[in-house]
């Protein structure tokens, strides 16, 4: 459910929602691979706007040492 919420947050472009849902997904056991797969779906559906928003997740994963 958290990965779906992350995808919706990315689609909406809500920065705080994206960060919160990424953290919630990790806290609930989502793997880095699952999060990256979610990003790939968003990019496939939203194109360059999906890429721009997905970079927030990549940066957070890097800051948390998850990459």
C-alpha atoms as a PDB file:
ATOM      1  CA  UNK A   1       0.000   0.000   0.000  1.00  0.00           C
ATOM      2  CA  UNK A   2       2.855   2.382   0.777  1.00  0.00           C
ATOM      3  CA  UNK A   3       4.361   1.840  -2.664  1.00  0.00           C
ATOM      4  CA  UNK A   4       1.033   2.702  -4.269  1.00  0.00           C
ATOM      5  CA  UNK A   5       0.826   5.791  -2.071  1.00  0.00           C
ATOM      6  CA  UNK A   6       4.355   6.711  -3.166  1.00  0.00           C
ATOM      7  CA  UNK A   7       3.366   6.385  -6.820  1.00  0.00           C
ATOM      8  CA  UNK A   8       0.366   8.656  -6.243  1.00  0.00           C
ATOM      9  CA  UNK A   9       2.493  11.199  -4.376  1.00  0.00           C
ATOM     10  CA  UNK A  10       4.990  11.228  -7.235  1.00  0.00           C
ATOM     11  CA  UNK A  11       2.182  11.743  -9.725  1.00  0.00           C
ATOM     12  CA  UNK A  12       0.800  14.625  -7.681  1.00  0.00           C
ATOM     13  CA  UNK A  13       4.229  16.201  -7.302  1.00  0.00           C
ATOM     14  CA  UNK A  14       3.803  16.674  -3.547  1.00  0.00           C
ATOM     15  CA  UNK A  15       7.360  16.946  -2.175  1.00  0.00           C
ATOM     16  CA  UNK A  16       6.480  16.287   1.473  1.00  0.00           C
ATOM     17  CA  UNK A  17       4.181  13.419   0.483  1.00  0.00           C
ATOM     18  CA  UNK A  18       6.925  11.846  -1.641  1.00  0.00           C
ATOM     19  CA  UNK A  19       9.453  11.968   1.187  1.00  0.00           C
ATOM     20  CA  UNK A  20       6.977  10.720   3.793  1.00  0.00           C
ATOM     21  CA  UNK A  21       5.718   7.852   1.647  1.00  0.00           C
ATOM     22  CA  UNK A  22       9.276   6.804   0.804  1.00  0.00           C
ATOM     23  CA  UNK A  23      10.165   6.677   4.493  1.00  0.00           C
ATOM     24  CA  UNK A  24       6.912   4.879   5.308  1.00  0.00           C
ATOM     25  CA  UNK A  25       7.573   2.313   2.592  1.00  0.00           C
ATOM     26  CA  UNK A  26      11.048   1.635   3.957  1.00  0.00           C
ATOM     27  CA  UNK A  27       9.757   1.446   7.539  1.00  0.00           C
ATOM     28  CA  UNK A  28       7.160  -1.099   6.418  1.00  0.00           C
ATOM     29  CA  UNK A  29       9.725  -3.369   4.775  1.00  0.00           C
ATOM     30  CA  UNK A  30       9.841  -2.200   1.164  1.00  0.00           C
ATOM     31  CA  UNK A  31      13.166  -2.963  -0.463  1.00  0.00           C
ATOM     32  CA  UNK A  32      15.257  -0.563  -2.503  1.00  0.00           C
ATOM     33  CA  UNK A  33      14.417  -2.643  -5.573  1.00  0.00           C
ATOM     34  CA  UNK A  34      10.677  -2.339  -4.939  1.00  0.00           C
ATOM     35  CA  UNK A  35      10.967   1.421  -4.545  1.00  0.00           C
ATOM     36  CA  UNK A  36      13.009   1.712  -7.734  1.00  0.00           C
ATOM     37  CA  UNK A  37      10.440  -0.399  -9.571  1.00  0.00           C
ATOM     38  CA  UNK A  38       7.731   1.978  -8.360  1.00  0.00           C
ATOM     39  CA  UNK A  39       9.778   4.877  -9.731  1.00  0.00           C
ATOM     40  CA  UNK A  40      10.099   3.140 -13.097  1.00  0.00           C
ATOM     41  CA  UNK A  41       6.319   2.777 -13.344  1.00  0.00           C
ATOM     42  CA  UNK A  42       5.833   6.460 -12.524  1.00  0.00           C
ATOM     43  CA  UNK A  43       8.456   7.500 -15.084  1.00  0.00           C
ATOM     44  CA  UNK A  44       6.791   5.290 -17.688  1.00  0.00           C
ATOM     45  CA  UNK A  45       3.435   6.912 -17.047  1.00  0.00           C
ATOM     46  CA  UNK A  46       4.492  10.530 -16.435  1.00  0.00           C
ATOM     47  CA  UNK A  47       7.626  10.931 -18.552  1.00  0.00           C
ATOM     48  CA  UNK A  48       9.983  13.766 -17.677  1.00  0.00           C
ATOM     49  CA  UNK A  49       7.815  15.044 -14.833  1.00  0.00           C
ATOM     50  CA  UNK A  50       8.035  11.575 -13.309  1.00  0.00           C
ATOM     51  CA  UNK A  51      11.803  11.669 -13.636  1.00  0.00           C
ATOM     52  CA  UNK A  52      11.993  15.050 -11.928  1.00  0.00           C
ATOM     53  CA  UNK A  53       9.899  13.921  -8.967  1.00  0.00           C
ATOM     54  CA  UNK A  54      11.647  10.541  -8.760  1.00  0.00           C
ATOM     55  CA  UNK A  55      14.970  12.280  -8.201  1.00  0.00           C
ATOM     56  CA  UNK A  56      13.669  13.315  -4.765  1.00  0.00           C
ATOM     57  CA  UNK A  57      13.347   9.637  -3.839  1.00  0.00           C
ATOM     58  CA  UNK A  58      16.815   8.809  -5.176  1.00  0.00           C
ATOM     59  CA  UNK A  59      18.320  11.637  -3.137  1.00  0.00           C
ATOM     60  CA  UNK A  60      16.516  10.505   0.020  1.00  0.00           C
ATOM     61  CA  UNK A  61      17.601   6.887  -0.464  1.00  0.00           C
ATOM     62  CA  UNK A  62      21.176   8.109  -0.895  1.00  0.00           C
ATOM     63  CA  UNK A  63      20.984  10.245   2.248  1.00  0.00           C
ATOM     64  CA  UNK A  64      19.625   7.269   4.203  1.00  0.00           C
ATOM     65  CA  UNK A  65      22.405   5.012   2.914  1.00  0.00           C
ATOM     66  CA  UNK A  66      19.940   2.783   1.068  1.00  0.00           C
ATOM     67  CA  UNK A  67      21.616   3.052  -2.344  1.00  0.00           C
END
